[in-house]
Amino acid sequence: MLTKQISIFLENKEGRLAQLTSILAKSNININALTIADTSDFGILRIIVDDTKKAEDLLKENGFLVSVTDVIALDIEDKPGGISKPLNRLYAEGISVEYIYAFLSKKENTAHVIIKVDQNDKALDILKNNGFKSTATV
């Protein structure tokens, strides 16, 4: 399943992440998944929220540099090797994974991952045809 992810470029300064999350909270926007990569000067916060358009508009209004990207949300088995199966299948079919992150699942024996690839439609077909399930909880 494709889902929308918001990427926000943040200055690496004290309180900036707290400010951003407070803006979303005050507007009743729930963060379902997140990851952050940082350097000494800035970070890229990637989030999946329950109202992408509202969050995008709100963050832009508050001076944040924002972009929205399609990513794949996938359920995997929560056991050793669970992530290697879909990744190996994508690799075998020539799909390049740009980044990946995981988040908690409420379903037992299931983990959720977000995968950014270079060919969404082809990757979705490969995953579906090999029995992998998209997550519906993002």
Protein backbone atom coordinates (compact mmCIF):
# COMPACT_ATOMS: atom_id res chain seq x y z
CA MET A 1 0.00 0.00 0.00
CA LEU A 2 1.30 3.41 -0.89
CA THR A 3 1.02 6.00 1.81
CA LYS A 4 2.05 9.63 2.05
CA GLN A 5 5.10 10.55 4.08
CA ILE A 6 6.02 14.09 5.06
CA SER A 7 9.71 14.99 5.14
CA ILE A 8 10.61 18.07 7.14
CA PHE A 9 14.02 19.74 7.11
CA LEU A 10 14.86 20.90 10.62
CA GLU A 11 17.66 23.07 11.87
CA ASN A 12 19.62 21.09 14.42
CA LYS A 13 18.86 23.41 17.31
CA GLU A 14 17.37 22.89 20.71
CA GLY A 15 13.58 22.75 20.89
CA ARG A 16 12.88 22.62 17.14
CA LEU A 17 11.50 19.07 17.22
CA ALA A 18 9.39 19.87 20.29
CA GLN A 19 8.00 22.93 18.51
CA LEU A 20 7.03 20.89 15.43
CA THR A 21 5.35 18.12 17.40
CA SER A 22 3.47 20.68 19.50
CA ILE A 23 2.11 22.35 16.37
CA LEU A 24 0.75 19.01 15.18
CA ALA A 25 -0.63 18.09 18.60
CA LYS A 26 -2.49 21.40 18.96
CA SER A 27 -4.21 20.69 15.63
CA ASN A 28 -5.12 17.16 16.71
CA ILE A 29 -2.85 15.52 14.11
CA ASN A 30 -1.59 12.12 15.17
CA ILE A 31 1.91 10.94 14.22
CA ASN A 32 1.65 7.26 13.31
CA ALA A 33 5.31 6.68 12.41
CA LEU A 34 8.50 8.72 12.41
CA THR A 35 12.21 8.61 11.89
CA ILE A 36 14.89 11.27 11.90
CA ALA A 37 18.32 11.43 10.32
CA ASP A 38 20.63 14.21 11.36
CA THR A 39 23.93 15.90 10.69
CA SER A 40 25.61 18.50 12.84
CA ASP A 41 23.63 21.30 11.15
CA PHE A 42 20.21 19.88 10.25
CA GLY A 43 17.97 16.87 10.39
CA ILE A 44 15.37 15.31 8.13
CA LEU A 45 12.30 14.24 10.05
CA ARG A 46 10.10 11.79 8.18
CA ILE A 47 6.58 11.30 9.53
CA ILE A 48 3.37 9.57 8.60
CA VAL A 49 0.32 11.25 10.05
CA ASP A 50 -3.43 10.74 10.01
CA ASP A 51 -4.07 13.92 7.97
CA THR A 52 -1.22 14.55 5.53
CA LYS A 53 -2.65 17.60 3.75
CA LYS A 54 -3.59 19.39 6.97
CA ALA A 55 -0.17 18.68 8.48
CA GLU A 56 1.66 19.77 5.32
CA ASP A 57 -0.24 23.06 5.15
CA LEU A 58 0.15 23.73 8.87
CA LEU A 59 3.88 23.08 8.88
CA LYS A 60 4.45 25.28 5.83
CA GLU A 61 2.42 28.06 7.49
CA ASN A 62 4.77 27.80 10.47
CA GLY A 63 7.91 28.16 8.38
CA PHE A 64 8.99 24.54 7.99
CA LEU A 65 10.45 23.29 4.71
CA VAL A 66 8.25 20.31 3.83
CA SER A 67 7.91 17.75 1.04
CA VAL A 68 5.45 14.87 0.60
CA THR A 69 6.54 11.52 -0.83
CA ASP A 70 4.84 8.22 -1.60
CA VAL A 71 6.28 5.30 0.37
CA ILE A 72 5.31 1.66 0.78
CA ALA A 73 3.79 0.54 4.08
CA LEU A 74 4.28 -3.17 4.59
CA ASP A 75 3.43 -5.78 7.23
CA ILE A 76 6.21 -8.27 7.90
CA GLU A 77 6.65 -11.20 10.24
CA ASP A 78 8.05 -10.09 13.58
CA LYS A 79 10.78 -12.71 13.77
CA PRO A 80 14.41 -13.08 12.75
CA GLY A 81 14.65 -12.76 8.99
CA GLY A 82 11.21 -11.19 8.62
CA ILE A 83 12.56 -8.12 6.85
CA SER A 84 15.08 -10.00 4.71
CA LYS A 85 12.40 -11.82 2.70
CA PRO A 86 10.75 -8.80 1.07
CA LEU A 87 14.07 -6.97 0.73
CA ASN A 88 15.68 -9.92 -1.03
CA ARG A 89 12.68 -10.24 -3.34
CA LEU A 90 12.91 -6.54 -4.26
CA TYR A 91 16.66 -6.82 -4.77
CA ALA A 92 16.25 -9.86 -7.04
CA GLU A 93 13.86 -7.82 -9.21
CA GLY A 94 16.17 -4.81 -9.48
CA ILE A 95 14.35 -2.52 -7.05
CA SER A 96 16.61 -0.11 -5.17
CA VAL A 97 15.68 0.64 -1.57
CA GLU A 98 16.55 4.22 -0.70
CA TYR A 99 15.69 3.93 3.01
CA ILE A 100 13.57 1.95 5.41
CA TYR A 101 12.25 2.31 8.95
CA ALA A 102 9.95 0.36 11.21
CA PHE A 103 7.26 1.14 13.74
CA LEU A 104 5.30 -0.77 16.33
CA SER A 105 2.34 -2.96 15.53
CA LYS A 106 -0.60 -3.79 17.72
CA LYS A 107 -0.99 -7.14 15.97
CA GLU A 108 0.94 -9.99 17.52
CA ASN A 109 3.81 -11.42 15.42
CA THR A 110 3.62 -8.50 12.99
CA ALA A 111 5.89 -5.54 12.43
CA HIS A 112 5.31 -2.61 10.12
CA VAL A 113 7.94 -1.11 7.86
CA ILE A 114 8.03 1.92 5.63
CA ILE A 115 10.11 1.45 2.50
CA LYS A 116 11.16 4.15 0.05
CA VAL A 117 12.08 2.60 -3.29
CA ASP A 118 12.97 3.87 -6.73
CA GLN A 119 10.00 2.16 -8.48
CA ASN A 120 6.84 2.14 -6.36
CA ASP A 121 4.44 0.46 -8.79
CA LYS A 122 6.84 -2.33 -9.72
CA ALA A 123 7.74 -2.90 -6.06
CA LEU A 124 4.08 -3.09 -5.05
CA ASP A 125 3.39 -5.68 -7.76
CA ILE A 126 6.41 -7.76 -6.71
CA LEU A 127 5.46 -7.68 -3.04
CA LYS A 128 1.81 -8.50 -3.71
CA ASN A 129 2.66 -11.35 -6.11
CA ASN A 130 4.99 -12.85 -3.51
CA GLY A 131 2.43 -12.87 -0.70
CA PHE A 132 3.53 -9.81 1.25
CA LYS A 133 0.76 -7.70 2.75
CA SER A 134 0.43 -3.98 2.87
CA THR A 135 -0.25 -2.52 6.25
CA ALA A 136 -3.58 -0.86 6.77
CA THR A 137 -2.65 0.79 10.06
CA VAL A 138 -0.68 3.79 8.84
